[in-house]
């Protein structure tokens, strides 16, 4: 196999429909895989994806997706994601939780900006500064507005999923998955079910 620095080339294939060369690499020491797509598109894209299959509907992958973007070793600011939205030339900046993986994609037409985005994102996912306070902010916590009112559950992901579970279409999709794949990662909600999210602890 052909090697480039610490990576070995697994396969190279031309994709004529996209006028793109696809190169599949594997990092020799860690086994991490890299897919490189070379073409003439002005938009430059990078993404890092991790396998995050959940075993329940507490929303751990979704809460971690949010939490790792709340500061890192190299970028200890409260919300680097928000700072990037304000000061970057990005054409895409997000993070997404799927039933079996979590992705952190970025894109820019400016090469220097892209490498800055990559640096921030890789530091975030590899060296996050997750604390109990960040977990509670992004996941769930108790909140009370007045002393005579009952405690309420709050949290970024908790509130987001409450909204998702208020949609009939979302509920139908969720229960279809649960019924079709009851004993797999696809039978639970990686995003988190508001009923189950408060069972998750730091």
N, C-alpha and C. Protein backbone atom coordinates (compact mmCIF):
# COMPACT_ATOMS: atom_id res chain seq x y z
N UNK A 1 0.83 -1.19 0.00
CA UNK A 1 0.00 0.00 0.00
C UNK A 1 0.87 1.25 0.00
N UNK A 2 0.38 2.28 -0.65
CA UNK A 2 1.06 3.57 -0.71
C UNK A 2 0.82 4.31 0.61
N UNK A 3 1.87 4.93 1.16
CA UNK A 3 1.70 5.68 2.41
C UNK A 3 2.06 7.15 2.21
N UNK A 4 1.36 8.02 2.95
CA UNK A 4 1.63 9.45 2.99
C UNK A 4 1.78 9.80 4.46
N UNK A 5 3.00 10.17 4.86
CA UNK A 5 3.30 10.44 6.26
C UNK A 5 2.84 9.27 7.11
N UNK A 6 1.87 9.50 8.00
CA UNK A 6 1.41 8.44 8.91
C UNK A 6 0.16 7.73 8.40
N UNK A 7 -0.21 7.95 7.13
CA UNK A 7 -1.42 7.36 6.57
C UNK A 7 -1.09 6.42 5.42
N UNK A 8 -1.84 5.32 5.34
CA UNK A 8 -1.71 4.44 4.17
C UNK A 8 -2.94 4.62 3.30
N UNK A 9 -2.71 4.63 1.99
CA UNK A 9 -3.80 4.77 1.02
C UNK A 9 -4.48 3.42 0.87
N UNK A 10 -5.76 3.35 1.20
CA UNK A 10 -6.53 2.11 1.09
C UNK A 10 -7.09 1.95 -0.32
N UNK A 11 -7.65 3.04 -0.84
CA UNK A 11 -8.20 2.99 -2.20
C UNK A 11 -8.26 4.39 -2.78
N UNK A 12 -8.24 4.45 -4.11
CA UNK A 12 -8.41 5.71 -4.84
C UNK A 12 -9.37 5.44 -5.99
N UNK A 13 -10.37 6.29 -6.12
CA UNK A 13 -11.39 6.04 -7.15
C UNK A 13 -11.88 7.37 -7.71
N UNK A 14 -11.98 7.41 -9.03
CA UNK A 14 -12.53 8.57 -9.70
C UNK A 14 -14.05 8.49 -9.66
N UNK A 15 -14.72 9.60 -9.37
CA UNK A 15 -16.19 9.67 -9.40
C UNK A 15 -16.54 10.60 -10.55
N UNK A 16 -16.79 10.05 -11.74
CA UNK A 16 -16.99 10.89 -12.93
C UNK A 16 -18.17 11.87 -12.81
N UNK A 17 -19.26 11.45 -12.16
CA UNK A 17 -20.44 12.30 -12.05
C UNK A 17 -20.13 13.60 -11.29
N UNK A 18 -19.15 13.56 -10.41
CA UNK A 18 -18.79 14.72 -9.60
C UNK A 18 -17.45 15.32 -10.01
N UNK A 19 -16.83 14.71 -11.03
CA UNK A 19 -15.49 15.14 -11.46
C UNK A 19 -14.57 15.22 -10.24
N UNK A 20 -14.57 14.13 -9.47
CA UNK A 20 -13.89 14.10 -8.17
C UNK A 20 -13.05 12.84 -8.03
N UNK A 21 -11.87 13.00 -7.43
CA UNK A 21 -11.04 11.86 -7.06
C UNK A 21 -11.24 11.61 -5.57
N UNK A 22 -11.66 10.39 -5.23
CA UNK A 22 -11.87 10.02 -3.83
C UNK A 22 -10.71 9.14 -3.37
N UNK A 23 -10.02 9.57 -2.33
CA UNK A 23 -8.93 8.80 -1.73
C UNK A 23 -9.32 8.41 -0.31
N UNK A 24 -9.18 7.12 -0.02
CA UNK A 24 -9.52 6.58 1.30
C UNK A 24 -8.20 6.21 1.99
N UNK A 25 -7.94 6.85 3.13
CA UNK A 25 -6.71 6.61 3.89
C UNK A 25 -7.03 6.03 5.26
N UNK A 26 -6.04 5.34 5.83
CA UNK A 26 -6.15 4.88 7.22
C UNK A 26 -4.88 5.30 7.96
N UNK A 27 -5.07 5.89 9.14
CA UNK A 27 -3.93 6.28 9.97
C UNK A 27 -3.30 5.01 10.53
N UNK A 28 -2.01 4.86 10.33
CA UNK A 28 -1.32 3.61 10.66
C UNK A 28 -1.39 3.30 12.16
N UNK A 29 -1.17 4.27 13.02
CA UNK A 29 -1.13 4.01 14.47
C UNK A 29 -2.52 3.84 15.09
N UNK A 30 -3.47 4.69 14.70
CA UNK A 30 -4.77 4.70 15.39
C UNK A 30 -5.88 3.96 14.65
N UNK A 31 -5.71 3.77 13.34
CA UNK A 31 -6.78 3.15 12.55
C UNK A 31 -7.85 4.13 12.11
N UNK A 32 -7.69 5.41 12.47
CA UNK A 32 -8.67 6.43 12.04
C UNK A 32 -8.69 6.48 10.52
N UNK A 33 -9.87 6.63 9.96
CA UNK A 33 -10.02 6.66 8.51
C UNK A 33 -10.30 8.07 8.02
N UNK A 34 -9.73 8.38 6.85
CA UNK A 34 -9.89 9.70 6.24
C UNK A 34 -10.34 9.50 4.80
N UNK A 35 -11.37 10.24 4.41
CA UNK A 35 -11.82 10.25 3.03
C UNK A 35 -11.53 11.64 2.48
N UNK A 36 -10.72 11.70 1.44
CA UNK A 36 -10.36 12.97 0.82
C UNK A 36 -11.00 13.03 -0.57
N UNK A 37 -11.75 14.10 -0.83
CA UNK A 37 -12.38 14.30 -2.13
C UNK A 37 -11.72 15.49 -2.81
N UNK A 38 -11.06 15.25 -3.93
CA UNK A 38 -10.35 16.31 -4.65
C UNK A 38 -11.14 16.70 -5.89
N UNK A 39 -11.46 18.01 -6.00
CA UNK A 39 -12.16 18.51 -7.18
C UNK A 39 -11.93 20.02 -7.30
N UNK A 40 -12.62 20.63 -8.24
CA UNK A 40 -12.43 22.06 -8.50
C UNK A 40 -13.43 22.96 -7.77
N UNK A 41 -14.23 22.40 -6.87
CA UNK A 41 -15.23 23.18 -6.14
C UNK A 41 -14.53 24.27 -5.32
N UNK A 42 -15.08 25.47 -5.34
CA UNK A 42 -14.50 26.57 -4.56
C UNK A 42 -14.69 26.38 -3.06
N UNK A 43 -15.74 25.66 -2.69
CA UNK A 43 -16.03 25.41 -1.29
C UNK A 43 -15.13 24.29 -0.78
N UNK A 44 -14.43 24.54 0.31
CA UNK A 44 -13.58 23.54 0.92
C UNK A 44 -14.26 23.06 2.20
N UNK A 45 -14.32 21.75 2.36
CA UNK A 45 -15.11 21.16 3.45
C UNK A 45 -14.25 20.21 4.27
N UNK A 46 -14.49 20.21 5.57
CA UNK A 46 -13.85 19.26 6.47
C UNK A 46 -14.91 18.78 7.46
N UNK A 47 -14.81 17.54 7.84
CA UNK A 47 -15.70 17.03 8.87
C UNK A 47 -15.02 15.91 9.64
N UNK A 48 -15.28 15.84 10.91
CA UNK A 48 -14.81 14.73 11.72
C UNK A 48 -16.05 14.06 12.30
N UNK A 49 -16.08 12.73 12.20
CA UNK A 49 -17.25 11.96 12.64
C UNK A 49 -16.80 10.86 13.58
N UNK A 50 -17.56 10.67 14.65
CA UNK A 50 -17.28 9.63 15.63
C UNK A 50 -18.47 8.68 15.71
N UNK A 51 -18.17 7.41 15.92
CA UNK A 51 -19.25 6.45 16.20
C UNK A 51 -19.73 6.72 17.62
N UNK A 52 -21.03 6.96 17.76
CA UNK A 52 -21.59 7.23 19.09
C UNK A 52 -22.92 6.50 19.26
N UNK A 53 -22.91 5.16 19.14
CA UNK A 53 -24.17 4.42 19.26
C UNK A 53 -24.70 4.44 20.70
N UNK A 54 -25.89 4.97 20.91
CA UNK A 54 -26.44 5.01 22.27
C UNK A 54 -27.06 3.67 22.66
N UNK A 55 -27.16 3.45 23.95
CA UNK A 55 -27.82 2.24 24.45
C UNK A 55 -29.17 2.56 25.06
N UNK A 56 -29.47 3.87 25.19
CA UNK A 56 -30.75 4.29 25.75
C UNK A 56 -31.12 5.65 25.16
N UNK A 57 -32.22 6.21 25.62
CA UNK A 57 -32.71 7.48 25.07
C UNK A 57 -32.43 8.67 25.98
N UNK A 58 -31.34 8.60 26.77
CA UNK A 58 -30.99 9.72 27.65
C UNK A 58 -30.36 10.88 26.88
N UNK A 59 -30.02 10.66 25.61
CA UNK A 59 -29.48 11.74 24.78
C UNK A 59 -28.00 12.01 24.97
N UNK A 60 -27.27 11.03 25.51
CA UNK A 60 -25.84 11.24 25.77
C UNK A 60 -25.08 11.74 24.53
N UNK A 61 -25.24 11.11 23.34
CA UNK A 61 -24.49 11.63 22.18
C UNK A 61 -24.84 13.08 21.84
N UNK A 62 -26.11 13.44 21.96
CA UNK A 62 -26.57 14.79 21.63
C UNK A 62 -26.03 15.80 22.65
N UNK A 63 -26.07 15.44 23.92
CA UNK A 63 -25.57 16.33 24.97
C UNK A 63 -24.06 16.50 24.84
N UNK A 64 -23.35 15.42 24.50
CA UNK A 64 -21.91 15.53 24.28
C UNK A 64 -21.61 16.38 23.05
N UNK A 65 -22.40 16.25 22.00
CA UNK A 65 -22.21 17.07 20.79
C UNK A 65 -22.25 18.55 21.16
N UNK A 66 -23.23 18.94 21.96
CA UNK A 66 -23.34 20.33 22.41
C UNK A 66 -22.21 20.71 23.36
N UNK A 67 -21.90 19.83 24.30
CA UNK A 67 -20.95 20.15 25.36
C UNK A 67 -19.52 20.34 24.86
N UNK A 68 -19.10 19.54 23.88
CA UNK A 68 -17.72 19.68 23.41
C UNK A 68 -17.49 21.02 22.71
N UNK A 69 -18.57 21.66 22.28
CA UNK A 69 -18.44 22.96 21.61
C UNK A 69 -18.58 24.13 22.60
N UNK A 70 -18.35 23.85 23.89
CA UNK A 70 -18.42 24.90 24.92
C UNK A 70 -17.04 25.18 25.51
N UNK A 71 -16.04 25.18 24.69
CA UNK A 71 -14.69 25.49 25.14
C UNK A 71 -13.80 24.27 25.14
N UNK A 72 -12.52 24.51 24.85
CA UNK A 72 -11.55 23.41 24.77
C UNK A 72 -10.23 23.85 25.38
N UNK A 73 -9.28 22.94 25.38
CA UNK A 73 -7.97 23.21 25.97
C UNK A 73 -7.31 24.44 25.33
N UNK A 74 -7.28 24.49 24.02
CA UNK A 74 -6.61 25.58 23.31
C UNK A 74 -7.49 26.83 23.19
N UNK A 75 -8.81 26.62 23.20
CA UNK A 75 -9.77 27.73 23.06
C UNK A 75 -10.74 27.71 24.24
N UNK A 76 -10.30 28.22 25.41
CA UNK A 76 -11.11 28.12 26.62
C UNK A 76 -12.23 29.15 26.75
N UNK A 77 -12.69 29.70 25.63
CA UNK A 77 -13.81 30.65 25.69
C UNK A 77 -15.11 29.89 25.92
N UNK A 78 -16.12 30.59 26.42
CA UNK A 78 -17.38 29.93 26.79
C UNK A 78 -18.07 29.28 25.60
N UNK A 79 -18.14 29.98 24.48
CA UNK A 79 -18.85 29.44 23.31
C UNK A 79 -18.06 29.71 22.04
N UNK A 80 -17.02 28.89 21.75
CA UNK A 80 -16.23 29.10 20.53
C UNK A 80 -17.08 29.01 19.27
N UNK A 81 -18.12 28.18 19.32
CA UNK A 81 -19.02 28.02 18.17
C UNK A 81 -19.64 29.37 17.80
N UNK A 82 -20.13 30.10 18.80
CA UNK A 82 -20.76 31.40 18.57
C UNK A 82 -19.72 32.40 18.06
N UNK A 83 -18.50 32.35 18.61
CA UNK A 83 -17.43 33.24 18.16
C UNK A 83 -17.09 32.98 16.70
N UNK A 84 -17.08 31.70 16.30
CA UNK A 84 -16.80 31.36 14.90
C UNK A 84 -17.90 31.87 13.98
N UNK A 85 -19.14 31.76 14.43
CA UNK A 85 -20.25 32.26 13.61
C UNK A 85 -20.12 33.76 13.37
N UNK A 86 -19.60 34.47 14.37
CA UNK A 86 -19.46 35.92 14.25
C UNK A 86 -18.24 36.33 13.43
N UNK A 87 -17.13 35.60 13.56
CA UNK A 87 -15.88 36.09 12.99
C UNK A 87 -15.27 35.29 11.87
N UNK A 88 -15.94 34.26 11.41
CA UNK A 88 -15.38 33.40 10.37
C UNK A 88 -16.03 33.68 9.02
N UNK A 89 -15.35 33.27 7.97
CA UNK A 89 -15.90 33.36 6.61
C UNK A 89 -16.57 32.05 6.21
N UNK A 90 -16.94 31.26 7.20
CA UNK A 90 -17.49 29.93 6.92
C UNK A 90 -18.72 29.99 6.02
N UNK A 91 -18.87 28.93 5.24
CA UNK A 91 -20.09 28.75 4.45
C UNK A 91 -20.97 27.67 5.08
N UNK A 92 -20.40 26.93 6.04
CA UNK A 92 -21.18 25.96 6.81
C UNK A 92 -20.44 25.69 8.11
N UNK A 93 -21.18 25.62 9.19
CA UNK A 93 -20.61 25.40 10.51
C UNK A 93 -21.70 24.79 11.37
N UNK A 94 -21.51 23.54 11.78
CA UNK A 94 -22.56 22.90 12.54
C UNK A 94 -22.02 21.66 13.24
N UNK A 95 -22.89 20.97 13.93
CA UNK A 95 -22.62 19.67 14.52
C UNK A 95 -23.95 18.93 14.51
N UNK A 96 -23.89 17.62 14.28
CA UNK A 96 -25.13 16.86 14.13
C UNK A 96 -25.02 15.50 14.80
N UNK A 97 -26.08 15.13 15.49
CA UNK A 97 -26.16 13.81 16.11
C UNK A 97 -27.09 12.95 15.28
N UNK A 98 -26.62 11.76 14.92
CA UNK A 98 -27.40 10.78 14.17
C UNK A 98 -27.62 9.57 15.08
N UNK A 99 -28.44 8.60 14.66
CA UNK A 99 -28.69 7.44 15.51
C UNK A 99 -27.44 6.64 15.89
N UNK A 100 -26.37 6.70 15.08
CA UNK A 100 -25.19 5.89 15.36
C UNK A 100 -23.86 6.65 15.27
N UNK A 101 -23.92 7.95 15.01
CA UNK A 101 -22.68 8.73 14.88
C UNK A 101 -22.95 10.20 15.18
N UNK A 102 -21.87 10.93 15.44
CA UNK A 102 -21.95 12.38 15.64
C UNK A 102 -20.93 13.02 14.73
N UNK A 103 -21.36 14.03 13.97
CA UNK A 103 -20.50 14.69 12.98
C UNK A 103 -20.32 16.16 13.30
N UNK A 104 -19.14 16.64 12.97
CA UNK A 104 -18.79 18.05 13.18
C UNK A 104 -18.23 18.59 11.86
N UNK A 105 -19.09 19.06 10.94
CA UNK A 105 -18.62 19.57 9.65
C UNK A 105 -18.43 21.09 9.63
N UNK A 106 -17.44 21.53 8.84
CA UNK A 106 -17.19 22.95 8.62
C UNK A 106 -16.86 23.14 7.14
N UNK A 107 -17.11 24.35 6.62
CA UNK A 107 -16.77 24.64 5.23
C UNK A 107 -16.47 26.12 5.08
N UNK A 108 -15.60 26.42 4.13
CA UNK A 108 -15.26 27.81 3.82
C UNK A 108 -14.66 27.85 2.42
N UNK A 109 -14.77 28.99 1.76
CA UNK A 109 -14.12 29.16 0.47
C UNK A 109 -12.71 29.72 0.65
N UNK A 110 -12.37 30.09 1.87
CA UNK A 110 -11.07 30.66 2.19
C UNK A 110 -10.23 29.58 2.90
N UNK A 111 -9.09 29.22 2.31
CA UNK A 111 -8.27 28.12 2.85
C UNK A 111 -7.79 28.42 4.27
N UNK A 112 -7.30 29.63 4.51
CA UNK A 112 -6.81 29.98 5.85
C UNK A 112 -7.94 29.89 6.88
N UNK A 113 -9.13 30.37 6.51
CA UNK A 113 -10.28 30.29 7.40
C UNK A 113 -10.65 28.83 7.67
N UNK A 114 -10.62 27.99 6.63
CA UNK A 114 -10.94 26.58 6.80
C UNK A 114 -9.99 25.93 7.81
N UNK A 115 -8.70 26.18 7.67
CA UNK A 115 -7.75 25.58 8.60
C UNK A 115 -7.93 26.10 10.02
N UNK A 116 -8.35 27.33 10.18
CA UNK A 116 -8.67 27.85 11.51
C UNK A 116 -9.90 27.13 12.08
N UNK A 117 -10.92 26.94 11.25
CA UNK A 117 -12.12 26.21 11.69
C UNK A 117 -11.75 24.78 12.10
N UNK A 118 -10.92 24.14 11.29
CA UNK A 118 -10.50 22.77 11.58
C UNK A 118 -9.76 22.72 12.92
N UNK A 119 -8.88 23.68 13.15
CA UNK A 119 -8.12 23.72 14.40
C UNK A 119 -9.04 23.85 15.61
N UNK A 120 -10.01 24.73 15.51
CA UNK A 120 -10.96 24.94 16.62
C UNK A 120 -11.80 23.68 16.83
N UNK A 121 -12.31 23.09 15.76
CA UNK A 121 -13.17 21.92 15.89
C UNK A 121 -12.41 20.70 16.41
N UNK A 122 -11.20 20.46 15.89
CA UNK A 122 -10.44 19.31 16.37
C UNK A 122 -10.06 19.46 17.83
N UNK A 123 -9.70 20.67 18.25
CA UNK A 123 -9.39 20.88 19.66
C UNK A 123 -10.64 20.66 20.51
N UNK A 124 -11.78 21.08 19.99
CA UNK A 124 -13.05 20.92 20.72
C UNK A 124 -13.40 19.45 20.92
N UNK A 125 -13.28 18.64 19.87
CA UNK A 125 -13.72 17.25 19.98
C UNK A 125 -12.67 16.35 20.63
N UNK A 126 -11.39 16.75 20.56
CA UNK A 126 -10.34 15.92 21.15
C UNK A 126 -9.93 16.37 22.56
N UNK A 127 -10.11 17.66 22.86
CA UNK A 127 -9.71 18.20 24.17
C UNK A 127 -10.79 19.12 24.74
N UNK A 128 -12.01 18.63 24.88
CA UNK A 128 -13.09 19.49 25.40
C UNK A 128 -12.89 19.81 26.88
N UNK A 129 -13.44 20.95 27.29
CA UNK A 129 -13.40 21.35 28.71
C UNK A 129 -14.79 21.14 29.31
N UNK A 130 -15.25 19.94 29.29
CA UNK A 130 -16.59 19.66 29.82
C UNK A 130 -16.53 19.62 31.35
N UNK A 131 -17.40 20.39 31.96
CA UNK A 131 -17.50 20.45 33.42
C UNK A 131 -18.94 20.08 33.80
N UNK A 132 -19.19 19.82 35.07
CA UNK A 132 -20.57 19.58 35.48
C UNK A 132 -21.50 20.74 35.10
N UNK A 133 -21.01 21.97 35.20
CA UNK A 133 -21.85 23.14 34.86
C UNK A 133 -22.20 23.14 33.37
N UNK A 134 -21.24 22.79 32.52
CA UNK A 134 -21.52 22.73 31.07
C UNK A 134 -22.51 21.61 30.79
N UNK A 135 -22.29 20.45 31.43
CA UNK A 135 -23.22 19.33 31.25
C UNK A 135 -24.64 19.73 31.64
N UNK A 136 -24.78 20.41 32.77
CA UNK A 136 -26.11 20.82 33.22
C UNK A 136 -26.72 21.87 32.30
N UNK A 137 -25.91 22.78 31.81
CA UNK A 137 -26.41 23.81 30.90
C UNK A 137 -26.88 23.18 29.59
N UNK A 138 -26.08 22.29 29.02
CA UNK A 138 -26.40 21.71 27.72
C UNK A 138 -27.36 20.53 27.83
N UNK A 139 -27.27 19.77 28.91
CA UNK A 139 -28.12 18.59 29.08
C UNK A 139 -29.41 18.91 29.79
N UNK A 140 -29.35 18.91 31.11
CA UNK A 140 -30.54 19.22 31.90
C UNK A 140 -30.13 19.66 33.30
N UNK A 141 -31.01 20.42 33.91
CA UNK A 141 -30.85 20.86 35.29
C UNK A 141 -32.23 21.25 35.82
N UNK A 142 -32.31 21.39 37.14
CA UNK A 142 -33.54 21.88 37.76
C UNK A 142 -33.54 23.40 37.75
N UNK A 143 -34.73 23.95 37.60
CA UNK A 143 -34.86 25.40 37.65
C UNK A 143 -36.19 25.74 38.29
N UNK A 144 -36.20 26.81 39.07
CA UNK A 144 -37.43 27.29 39.68
C UNK A 144 -37.48 28.80 39.51
N UNK A 145 -38.62 29.30 39.07
CA UNK A 145 -38.75 30.74 38.86
C UNK A 145 -39.24 31.45 40.11
N UNK A 146 -40.14 30.80 40.86
CA UNK A 146 -40.67 31.37 42.10
C UNK A 146 -40.65 30.28 43.17
N UNK A 147 -40.36 30.65 44.42
CA UNK A 147 -40.26 29.66 45.50
C UNK A 147 -41.51 28.80 45.68
N UNK A 148 -42.68 29.33 45.33
CA UNK A 148 -43.90 28.55 45.54
C UNK A 148 -44.26 27.69 44.33
N UNK A 149 -43.44 27.69 43.29
CA UNK A 149 -43.70 26.88 42.09
C UNK A 149 -42.86 25.61 42.14
N UNK A 150 -43.32 24.55 41.47
CA UNK A 150 -42.53 23.30 41.46
C UNK A 150 -41.26 23.45 40.61
N UNK A 151 -40.30 22.58 40.90
CA UNK A 151 -39.08 22.54 40.10
C UNK A 151 -39.42 22.14 38.67
N UNK A 152 -38.67 22.69 37.72
CA UNK A 152 -38.85 22.34 36.31
C UNK A 152 -37.53 21.86 35.74
N UNK A 153 -37.60 20.98 34.74
CA UNK A 153 -36.41 20.57 34.02
C UNK A 153 -36.12 21.60 32.95
N UNK A 154 -34.85 22.00 32.82
CA UNK A 154 -34.40 22.91 31.77
C UNK A 154 -33.07 22.40 31.24
N UNK A 155 -32.65 22.94 30.12
CA UNK A 155 -31.38 22.58 29.50
C UNK A 155 -31.50 22.75 28.00
N UNK A 156 -30.41 23.04 27.34
CA UNK A 156 -30.45 23.30 25.90
C UNK A 156 -30.99 22.09 25.14
N UNK A 157 -30.39 20.92 25.37
CA UNK A 157 -30.85 19.71 24.66
C UNK A 157 -32.23 19.30 25.15
N UNK A 158 -32.46 19.36 26.45
CA UNK A 158 -33.78 19.01 26.99
C UNK A 158 -34.87 19.84 26.31
N UNK A 159 -34.67 21.15 26.23
CA UNK A 159 -35.68 22.03 25.61
C UNK A 159 -35.80 21.78 24.11
N UNK A 160 -34.67 21.54 23.46
CA UNK A 160 -34.70 21.25 22.02
C UNK A 160 -35.51 19.98 21.74
N UNK A 161 -35.30 18.96 22.56
CA UNK A 161 -36.00 17.69 22.34
C UNK A 161 -37.47 17.77 22.77
N UNK A 162 -37.78 18.62 23.75
CA UNK A 162 -39.20 18.86 24.08
C UNK A 162 -39.91 19.40 22.85
N UNK A 163 -39.26 20.32 22.15
CA UNK A 163 -39.83 20.87 20.92
C UNK A 163 -39.98 19.81 19.86
N UNK A 164 -38.96 18.97 19.70
CA UNK A 164 -39.02 17.90 18.69
C UNK A 164 -40.14 16.91 19.01
N UNK A 165 -40.31 16.59 20.29
CA UNK A 165 -41.33 15.62 20.68
C UNK A 165 -42.74 16.23 20.70
N UNK A 166 -42.85 17.51 20.45
CA UNK A 166 -44.19 18.11 20.35
C UNK A 166 -44.71 18.05 18.92
N UNK A 167 -43.88 17.59 17.99
CA UNK A 167 -44.28 17.48 16.58
C UNK A 167 -44.82 16.08 16.29
N UNK A 168 -46.05 15.96 15.78
CA UNK A 168 -46.60 14.65 15.45
C UNK A 168 -45.73 13.88 14.45
N UNK A 169 -45.17 14.58 13.46
CA UNK A 169 -44.31 13.91 12.48
C UNK A 169 -43.07 13.32 13.15
N UNK A 170 -42.49 14.08 14.05
CA UNK A 170 -41.30 13.61 14.77
C UNK A 170 -41.64 12.40 15.63
N UNK A 171 -42.76 12.45 16.32
CA UNK A 171 -43.19 11.32 17.16
C UNK A 171 -43.44 10.08 16.32
N UNK A 172 -44.08 10.23 15.18
CA UNK A 172 -44.36 9.10 14.30
C UNK A 172 -43.05 8.47 13.84
N UNK A 173 -42.10 9.29 13.42
CA UNK A 173 -40.80 8.79 13.00
C UNK A 173 -40.07 8.08 14.12
N UNK A 174 -40.11 8.66 15.31
CA UNK A 174 -39.43 8.08 16.47
C UNK A 174 -40.02 6.71 16.81
N UNK A 175 -41.36 6.63 16.88
CA UNK A 175 -41.99 5.36 17.25
C UNK A 175 -41.88 4.32 16.14
N UNK A 176 -41.80 4.75 14.91
CA UNK A 176 -41.57 3.81 13.80
C UNK A 176 -40.20 3.17 13.95
N UNK A 177 -39.19 3.98 14.23
CA UNK A 177 -37.83 3.46 14.43
C UNK A 177 -37.80 2.49 15.62
N UNK A 178 -38.46 2.88 16.69
CA UNK A 178 -38.48 2.06 17.91
C UNK A 178 -39.13 0.71 17.64
N UNK A 179 -40.19 0.72 16.84
CA UNK A 179 -40.92 -0.52 16.53
C UNK A 179 -40.15 -1.40 15.56
N UNK A 180 -39.54 -0.78 14.55
CA UNK A 180 -38.81 -1.54 13.54
C UNK A 180 -37.49 -2.11 14.05
N UNK A 181 -36.82 -1.39 14.94
CA UNK A 181 -35.50 -1.80 15.41
C UNK A 181 -35.42 -1.79 16.94
N UNK A 182 -36.26 -2.60 17.61
CA UNK A 182 -36.38 -2.50 19.07
C UNK A 182 -35.11 -2.81 19.86
N UNK A 183 -34.26 -3.68 19.38
CA UNK A 183 -33.10 -4.09 20.17
C UNK A 183 -31.78 -3.60 19.57
N UNK A 184 -31.83 -2.46 18.90
CA UNK A 184 -30.63 -1.91 18.28
C UNK A 184 -30.47 -0.44 18.67
N UNK A 185 -29.37 0.13 18.25
CA UNK A 185 -29.14 1.56 18.50
C UNK A 185 -30.18 2.43 17.81
N UNK A 186 -30.81 1.88 16.76
CA UNK A 186 -31.83 2.64 16.02
C UNK A 186 -33.19 2.61 16.70
N UNK A 187 -33.32 1.79 17.73
CA UNK A 187 -34.57 1.71 18.47
C UNK A 187 -34.64 2.66 19.65
N UNK A 188 -33.53 3.37 19.91
CA UNK A 188 -33.51 4.39 20.96
C UNK A 188 -33.25 5.74 20.30
N UNK A 189 -33.43 6.81 21.04
CA UNK A 189 -33.27 8.15 20.48
C UNK A 189 -31.94 8.75 20.92
N UNK A 190 -30.99 8.83 19.98
CA UNK A 190 -29.67 9.41 20.28
C UNK A 190 -29.80 10.88 20.66
N UNK A 191 -30.84 11.55 20.16
CA UNK A 191 -31.06 12.95 20.49
C UNK A 191 -31.57 13.14 21.90
N UNK A 192 -32.22 12.11 22.42
CA UNK A 192 -32.75 12.15 23.78
C UNK A 192 -34.25 12.32 23.83
N UNK A 193 -34.89 11.50 24.63
CA UNK A 193 -36.32 11.61 24.90
C UNK A 193 -36.46 12.45 26.17
N UNK A 194 -37.27 13.52 26.14
CA UNK A 194 -37.40 14.36 27.34
C UNK A 194 -37.78 13.60 28.60
N UNK A 195 -38.43 12.46 28.46
CA UNK A 195 -38.76 11.65 29.64
C UNK A 195 -37.50 11.00 30.21
N UNK A 196 -36.56 10.63 29.33
CA UNK A 196 -35.36 9.90 29.75
C UNK A 196 -34.15 10.78 30.04
N UNK A 197 -34.08 11.95 29.43
CA UNK A 197 -32.90 12.81 29.58
C UNK A 197 -32.53 13.06 31.05
N UNK A 198 -33.50 13.33 31.95
CA UNK A 198 -33.13 13.59 33.35
C UNK A 198 -32.53 12.39 34.10
N UNK A 199 -32.52 11.21 33.48
CA UNK A 199 -31.88 10.06 34.11
C UNK A 199 -30.37 10.08 33.92
N UNK A 200 -29.89 10.90 32.98
CA UNK A 200 -28.46 10.97 32.69
C UNK A 200 -27.76 11.84 33.73
N UNK A 201 -26.65 11.34 34.25
CA UNK A 201 -25.87 12.10 35.23
C UNK A 201 -24.46 12.32 34.72
N UNK A 202 -23.82 13.33 35.28
CA UNK A 202 -22.44 13.65 34.93
C UNK A 202 -21.54 12.61 35.53
